[in-house]
């Protein structure tokens, strides 16, 4: 009897041990944690294949799970004032609360290429304050490989339909392009020597332009004469600027003297005297002009040989007779005293 009870006890202990191991295995595999947690809400336009219960990892370490995925219907949230489609509730262990900052990034990724999707958290910079409990942040949507493939397939299908429907046009374009290339090849082949000459002329022209530029620079830019001329102009302008002060001073003094003179002749009596002097000077100038005109007329009269003086001056025969008479009197001065 005692032996049978001992077997039953052993079986019961074995069953309880198996149940304990099974419970521990379930707890470990299910990711059940007894750590204290706090909630953070992350908004997505499309979280991809993220499911409730997916792990949350900070810097690669599991610190929580996705507790709930709620469809918001694309309404504008009054708290965040932005349109939200899906909101994920995260239960994160309190031990990492001070490590997740306000500029943290929340994004969906996978373990490997085809592994389980989870929500990764980039903690952010330490200069920012910690993210408070119940905060609502904007997450980064995962890349839509399926959407990319669908759009690529649609684009490829459209392209194939376009090619299929415009086969003749594409054939004509290809034929015309081939003909154009062939014609260009023929033109280039026929004018190869001319093209070579043109290229050679361009090289020669480039070399001559370089030489001309060098010569012009040496002649007109780096020429010492031009530098000396510029220095001379600079020196003259400096001297002119230095002498302009005294010249302006003399001009101001002359202007002041002119103003004083104008004030002195400002009265009616002085102006009348000045007017009389000007009239006398004008009259004398008129007489002088008349005298000069008369003298000029007399000179012209003499030059023409008119009158006695004109005849004596301009007639060569009379000049010869007078010269002969003077020569005779020099040789025979007694003729002044003796008359036949």
Protein backbone atom coordinates (compact mmCIF):
# COMPACT_ATOMS: atom_id res chain seq x y z
CA UNK A 1 0.00 0.00 0.00
CA UNK A 2 2.79 2.34 0.93
CA UNK A 3 4.60 1.37 -2.21
CA UNK A 4 1.62 2.36 -4.39
CA UNK A 5 1.37 5.77 -2.64
CA UNK A 6 5.07 6.38 -3.23
CA UNK A 7 4.62 5.79 -6.96
CA UNK A 8 1.64 8.16 -7.09
CA UNK A 9 3.61 10.86 -5.30
CA UNK A 10 6.49 10.47 -7.72
CA UNK A 11 4.14 10.68 -10.71
CA UNK A 12 2.48 13.78 -9.23
CA UNK A 13 5.83 15.47 -8.64
CA UNK A 14 6.92 14.62 -12.20
CA UNK A 15 3.70 16.11 -13.61
CA UNK A 16 4.07 19.27 -11.53
CA UNK A 17 7.70 19.61 -12.64
CA UNK A 18 6.69 19.22 -16.28
CA UNK A 19 3.96 21.81 -15.87
CA UNK A 20 6.44 24.20 -14.26
CA UNK A 21 8.93 23.72 -17.07
CA UNK A 22 6.14 24.22 -19.63
CA UNK A 23 5.00 27.43 -17.92
CA UNK A 24 8.56 28.76 -17.80
CA UNK A 25 9.04 27.87 -21.47
CA UNK A 26 5.80 29.68 -22.34
CA UNK A 27 6.86 32.73 -20.34
CA UNK A 28 10.30 32.81 -21.95
CA UNK A 29 9.10 32.21 -25.51
CA UNK A 30 6.17 34.56 -25.13
CA UNK A 31 8.40 37.36 -23.96
CA UNK A 32 6.40 37.90 -20.82
CA UNK A 33 8.25 40.31 -18.54
CA UNK A 34 7.46 41.31 -15.02
CA UNK A 35 9.29 44.64 -15.39
CA UNK A 36 7.31 47.84 -14.79
CA UNK A 37 6.38 49.45 -18.11
CA UNK A 38 5.11 52.78 -19.44
CA UNK A 39 3.17 53.56 -22.64
CA UNK A 40 4.26 55.53 -25.72
CA UNK A 41 2.10 55.99 -28.83
CA UNK A 42 3.59 55.98 -32.34
CA UNK A 43 1.66 57.10 -35.44
CA UNK A 44 2.20 55.48 -38.85
CA UNK A 45 0.74 55.92 -42.29
CA UNK A 46 1.46 52.25 -42.96
CA UNK A 47 3.37 50.12 -40.42
CA UNK A 48 3.78 47.30 -42.94
CA UNK A 49 3.58 43.82 -41.45
CA UNK A 50 3.98 44.99 -37.83
CA UNK A 51 1.66 42.99 -35.52
CA UNK A 52 0.51 43.28 -31.95
CA UNK A 53 2.99 41.57 -29.66
CA UNK A 54 5.99 42.40 -31.87
CA UNK A 55 9.07 43.23 -29.82
CA UNK A 56 10.33 46.77 -29.24
CA UNK A 57 14.12 47.10 -29.29
CA UNK A 58 16.28 50.01 -28.19
CA UNK A 59 19.77 49.85 -29.67
CA UNK A 60 19.12 46.19 -30.52
CA UNK A 61 18.02 45.20 -27.00
CA UNK A 62 14.44 44.09 -26.40
CA UNK A 63 12.81 46.46 -23.89
CA UNK A 64 9.10 46.01 -24.58
CA UNK A 65 6.46 45.04 -27.05
CA UNK A 66 3.74 46.46 -29.32
CA UNK A 67 0.69 46.20 -27.10
CA UNK A 68 -1.93 47.35 -29.61
CA UNK A 69 -2.42 48.58 -33.20
CA UNK A 70 -5.37 50.94 -33.57
CA UNK A 71 -6.79 52.09 -36.91
CA UNK A 72 -7.54 55.83 -36.64
CA UNK A 73 -9.32 56.20 -40.01
CA UNK A 74 -7.20 59.07 -41.29
CA UNK A 75 -8.81 61.65 -39.01
CA UNK A 76 -6.95 64.69 -37.74
CA UNK A 77 -5.93 64.13 -34.14
CA UNK A 78 -6.67 67.27 -32.05
CA UNK A 79 -3.66 66.53 -29.86
CA UNK A 80 -1.06 66.28 -32.62
CA UNK A 81 -2.99 68.23 -35.31
CA UNK A 82 -1.95 65.79 -38.00
CA UNK A 83 -3.73 63.12 -40.03
CA UNK A 84 -3.23 59.67 -38.54
CA UNK A 85 -4.04 56.28 -40.07
CA UNK A 86 -2.55 53.77 -37.61
CA UNK A 87 -1.47 54.32 -34.02
CA UNK A 88 0.66 51.77 -32.20
CA UNK A 89 0.74 51.55 -28.44
CA UNK A 90 4.14 50.50 -27.07
CA UNK A 91 4.73 49.06 -23.61
CA UNK A 92 8.34 49.91 -22.79
CA UNK A 93 10.17 48.92 -19.66
CA UNK A 94 10.62 51.77 -17.19
CA UNK A 95 14.34 51.04 -16.83
CA UNK A 96 15.04 52.61 -20.25
CA UNK A 97 12.76 55.61 -19.80
CA UNK A 98 15.64 58.04 -19.31
CA UNK A 99 17.40 56.72 -22.45
CA UNK A 100 14.58 57.49 -24.92
CA UNK A 101 14.66 61.23 -25.73
CA UNK A 102 12.29 63.60 -27.50
CA UNK A 103 14.26 63.39 -30.79
CA UNK A 104 14.21 59.57 -30.82
CA UNK A 105 13.34 57.81 -34.09
CA UNK A 106 10.75 54.98 -34.19
CA UNK A 107 10.83 52.76 -37.29
CA UNK A 108 9.79 49.28 -38.37
CA UNK A 109 12.49 46.85 -39.49
CA UNK A 110 13.10 43.11 -39.67
CA UNK A 111 15.53 40.62 -38.24
CA UNK A 112 17.50 39.76 -41.35
CA UNK A 113 15.96 39.72 -44.84
CA UNK A 114 12.92 37.54 -44.14
CA UNK A 115 12.89 37.63 -40.33
CA UNK A 116 10.26 38.84 -37.90
CA UNK A 117 9.32 42.50 -38.04
CA UNK A 118 9.84 44.56 -34.90
CA UNK A 119 9.81 48.20 -33.89
CA UNK A 120 13.27 49.68 -33.42
CA UNK A 121 13.98 52.80 -31.40
CA UNK A 122 16.94 55.11 -31.96
CA UNK A 123 17.32 56.77 -28.53
CA UNK A 124 18.23 60.26 -29.81
CA UNK A 125 20.68 62.80 -28.38
CA UNK A 126 21.43 63.08 -24.68
CA UNK A 127 20.98 66.87 -24.80
CA UNK A 128 17.23 66.47 -25.31
CA UNK A 129 14.89 65.68 -22.39
CA UNK A 130 13.47 62.19 -21.93
CA UNK A 131 10.24 61.29 -23.70
CA UNK A 132 7.39 61.45 -21.15
CA UNK A 133 4.88 58.69 -20.55
CA UNK A 134 1.87 58.82 -22.88
CA UNK A 135 3.74 60.86 -25.53
CA UNK A 136 2.53 60.64 -29.13
CA UNK A 137 5.30 60.66 -31.76
CA UNK A 138 5.50 60.23 -35.52
CA UNK A 139 7.09 56.98 -36.68
CA UNK A 140 9.02 56.24 -39.86
CA UNK A 141 7.11 53.98 -42.24
CA UNK A 142 8.97 50.89 -43.48
CA UNK A 143 9.94 50.73 -47.17
CA UNK A 144 7.09 49.32 -49.25
CA UNK A 145 8.77 46.68 -51.35
CA UNK A 146 5.40 45.33 -52.43
CA UNK A 147 4.27 48.81 -53.54
CA UNK A 148 7.54 49.30 -55.42
CA UNK A 149 7.14 45.98 -57.20
CA UNK A 150 3.50 46.74 -58.04
CA UNK A 151 4.37 50.15 -59.52
CA UNK A 152 7.37 48.72 -61.33
CA UNK A 153 5.19 46.00 -62.79
CA UNK A 154 2.60 48.58 -63.84
CA UNK A 155 5.28 50.72 -65.48
CA UNK A 156 6.76 47.69 -67.23
CA UNK A 157 3.34 46.60 -68.41
CA UNK A 158 2.56 50.08 -69.74
CA UNK A 159 5.93 50.18 -71.51
CA UNK A 160 5.38 46.78 -73.12
CA UNK A 161 1.89 47.78 -74.26
CA UNK A 162 3.26 50.98 -75.73
CA UNK A 163 5.97 49.10 -77.60
CA UNK A 164 3.50 46.49 -78.79
CA UNK A 165 0.98 49.09 -80.02
CA UNK A 166 3.61 51.28 -81.72
CA UNK A 167 5.81 48.58 -83.17
CA UNK A 168 5.76 50.04 -86.69
CA UNK A 169 6.51 53.55 -85.47
CA UNK A 170 9.41 52.31 -83.36
CA UNK A 171 10.69 50.33 -86.33
CA UNK A 172 10.54 53.44 -88.53
CA UNK A 173 12.35 55.48 -85.88
CA UNK A 174 15.05 52.83 -85.61
CA UNK A 175 15.39 52.67 -89.41
CA UNK A 176 15.58 56.47 -89.74
CA UNK A 177 18.09 56.66 -86.93
CA UNK A 178 20.24 54.02 -88.59
CA UNK A 179 20.00 55.90 -91.91
CA UNK A 180 20.93 59.15 -90.19
CA UNK A 181 23.94 57.59 -88.51
CA UNK A 182 25.00 55.99 -91.78
CA UNK A 183 24.69 59.35 -93.59
CA UNK A 184 26.69 61.12 -90.87
CA UNK A 185 29.34 58.43 -91.15
CA UNK A 186 29.50 58.96 -94.90
CA UNK A 187 29.79 62.74 -94.52
CA UNK A 188 32.55 62.38 -91.94
CA UNK A 189 34.41 59.90 -94.14
CA UNK A 190 34.18 62.12 -97.23
CA UNK A 191 35.31 65.26 -95.37
CA UNK A 192 37.91 63.67 -93.14
CA UNK A 193 40.80 65.63 -94.69
CA UNK A 194 38.84 68.89 -94.47
CA UNK A 195 37.97 68.20 -90.85
CA UNK A 196 41.61 67.44 -90.10
CA UNK A 197 42.66 70.71 -91.79
CA UNK A 198 40.03 72.61 -89.82
CA UNK A 199 41.25 71.10 -86.56
CA UNK A 200 44.85 71.92 -87.51
CA UNK A 201 43.85 75.51 -88.37
CA UNK A 202 42.07 75.79 -85.04
CA UNK A 203 45.19 74.58 -83.23
CA UNK A 204 47.32 77.08 -85.18
CA UNK A 205 44.83 79.85 -84.45
CA UNK A 206 44.90 78.94 -80.78
CA UNK A 207 48.69 79.04 -80.72
CA UNK A 208 48.73 82.42 -82.52
CA UNK A 209 46.12 83.79 -80.15
CA UNK A 210 48.25 82.66 -77.21
CA UNK A 211 51.32 84.32 -78.71
CA UNK A 212 49.36 87.50 -79.45
CA UNK A 213 48.02 87.58 -75.92
CA UNK A 214 51.51 87.12 -74.49
CA UNK A 215 52.90 89.86 -76.76
CA UNK A 216 50.04 92.22 -75.95
CA UNK A 217 50.49 91.59 -72.24
CA UNK A 218 54.20 92.26 -72.46
CA UNK A 219 53.63 95.34 -74.65
CA UNK A 220 50.65 96.96 -73.00
CA UNK A 221 50.34 95.46 -69.51
CA UNK A 222 53.79 94.60 -68.22
CA UNK A 223 55.59 97.33 -70.22
CA UNK A 224 57.85 99.51 -67.99
CA UNK A 225 57.02 102.58 -70.10
CA UNK A 226 53.34 102.22 -69.33
CA UNK A 227 54.17 101.72 -65.67
CA UNK A 228 56.32 104.90 -65.71
CA UNK A 229 53.55 106.80 -67.49
CA UNK A 230 51.02 105.67 -64.90
CA UNK A 231 53.42 106.68 -62.12
CA UNK A 232 53.93 110.10 -63.75
CA UNK A 233 50.18 110.64 -64.06
CA UNK A 234 49.76 109.57 -60.46
CA UNK A 235 52.50 111.99 -59.35
CA UNK A 236 51.04 114.87 -61.40
CA UNK A 237 47.57 114.21 -60.05
CA UNK A 238 49.01 114.24 -56.52
CA UNK A 239 50.82 117.53 -57.16
CA UNK A 240 47.67 118.99 -58.73
CA UNK A 241 45.68 117.89 -55.71
CA UNK A 242 48.31 119.45 -53.44
CA UNK A 243 48.31 122.75 -55.41
CA UNK A 244 44.55 122.91 -55.72
CA UNK A 245 44.27 124.20 -52.15
CA UNK A 246 46.25 127.44 -52.70
CA UNK A 247 44.59 127.94 -56.11
CA UNK A 248 41.16 127.69 -54.54
CA UNK A 249 42.28 130.08 -51.81
CA UNK A 250 43.47 132.64 -54.44
CA UNK A 251 40.22 132.18 -56.37
CA UNK A 252 38.22 132.86 -53.22
CA UNK A 253 40.30 136.01 -52.51
CA UNK A 254 39.84 137.20 -56.10
CA UNK A 255 36.11 136.64 -55.84
CA UNK A 256 36.04 138.55 -52.56
CA UNK A 257 37.97 141.45 -54.19
CA UNK A 258 35.54 141.41 -57.11
CA UNK A 259 32.63 141.56 -54.68
CA UNK A 260 34.22 144.53 -52.88
CA UNK A 261 34.84 146.28 -56.22
CA UNK A 262 31.24 145.68 -57.26
CA UNK A 263 30.09 147.17 -53.95
CA UNK A 264 32.30 150.24 -54.52
CA UNK A 265 30.70 150.94 -57.91
CA UNK A 266 27.29 150.03 -56.71
CA UNK A 267 26.08 153.71 -56.42
CA UNK A 268 24.48 155.67 -59.30
CA UNK A 269 27.20 158.34 -59.32
CA UNK A 270 30.00 155.78 -59.50
CA UNK A 271 28.17 153.88 -62.26
CA UNK A 272 27.74 157.12 -64.26
CA UNK A 273 31.48 157.88 -63.96
CA UNK A 274 32.34 154.34 -64.96
CA UNK A 275 29.98 154.56 -67.94
CA UNK A 276 31.58 157.86 -69.05
CA UNK A 277 35.06 156.31 -68.83
CA UNK A 278 33.91 153.33 -70.86
CA UNK A 279 32.36 155.64 -73.49
CA UNK A 280 35.60 157.69 -73.71
CA UNK A 281 37.62 154.53 -74.13
CA UNK A 282 35.25 153.32 -76.84
CA UNK A 283 35.49 156.69 -78.61
CA UNK A 284 39.31 156.62 -78.48
CA UNK A 285 39.24 153.08 -79.82
CA UNK A 286 37.00 154.23 -82.68
CA UNK A 287 39.41 157.09 -83.53
CA UNK A 288 42.33 154.71 -83.37
CA UNK A 289 40.54 152.31 -85.72
CA UNK A 290 39.81 155.17 -88.16
CA UNK A 291 43.46 156.35 -88.06
CA UNK A 292 44.66 152.82 -88.67
CA UNK A 293 42.24 152.51 -91.59
CA UNK A 294 43.52 155.78 -93.11
CA UNK A 295 47.13 154.70 -92.68
CA UNK A 296 46.34 151.41 -94.31
CA UNK A 297 44.70 153.26 -97.25
CA UNK A 298 47.77 155.47 -97.66
CA UNK A 299 50.06 152.46 -97.63
CA UNK A 300 47.90 150.75 -100.25
CA UNK A 301 47.94 153.99 -102.35
CA UNK A 302 51.73 154.13 -102.17
CA UNK A 303 52.05 150.42 -103.02
CA UNK A 304 49.97 151.01 -106.16
CA UNK A 305 52.40 153.80 -107.23
CA UNK A 306 49.80 156.58 -107.09
CA UNK A 307 50.87 160.11 -106.22
CA UNK A 308 54.34 161.63 -105.92
CA UNK A 309 55.47 159.49 -103.06
CA UNK A 310 54.05 156.42 -104.73
CA UNK A 311 55.84 157.25 -107.94
CA UNK A 312 59.11 157.83 -106.13
CA UNK A 313 58.79 154.67 -104.13
CA UNK A 314 57.33 152.24 -106.64
CA UNK A 315 58.76 153.50 -110.03
CA UNK A 316 62.07 151.74 -110.69
CA UNK A 317 63.19 154.23 -113.38
CA UNK A 318 62.93 157.15 -110.99
CA UNK A 319 64.72 155.06 -108.35
CA UNK A 320 67.54 154.37 -110.86
CA UNK A 321 67.80 158.06 -111.84
CA UNK A 322 67.99 159.17 -108.23
CA UNK A 323 70.60 156.53 -107.49
CA UNK A 324 72.65 157.69 -110.55
CA UNK A 325 72.39 161.31 -109.47
CA UNK A 326 73.56 160.50 -105.97
CA UNK A 327 76.49 158.53 -107.35
CA UNK A 328 77.44 161.45 -109.65
CA UNK A 329 77.29 163.94 -106.78
CA UNK A 330 79.54 161.72 -104.70
CA UNK A 331 82.18 161.79 -107.48
CA UNK A 332 81.61 165.45 -108.46
CA UNK A 333 80.51 167.34 -105.35
CA UNK A 334 81.48 170.72 -106.99
CA UNK A 335 78.23 170.48 -108.93
CA UNK A 336 76.39 171.64 -105.76
CA UNK A 337 78.23 175.02 -106.11
CA UNK A 338 78.66 175.41 -109.85
CA UNK A 339 75.84 175.82 -112.30
CA UNK A 340 76.44 176.05 -116.03
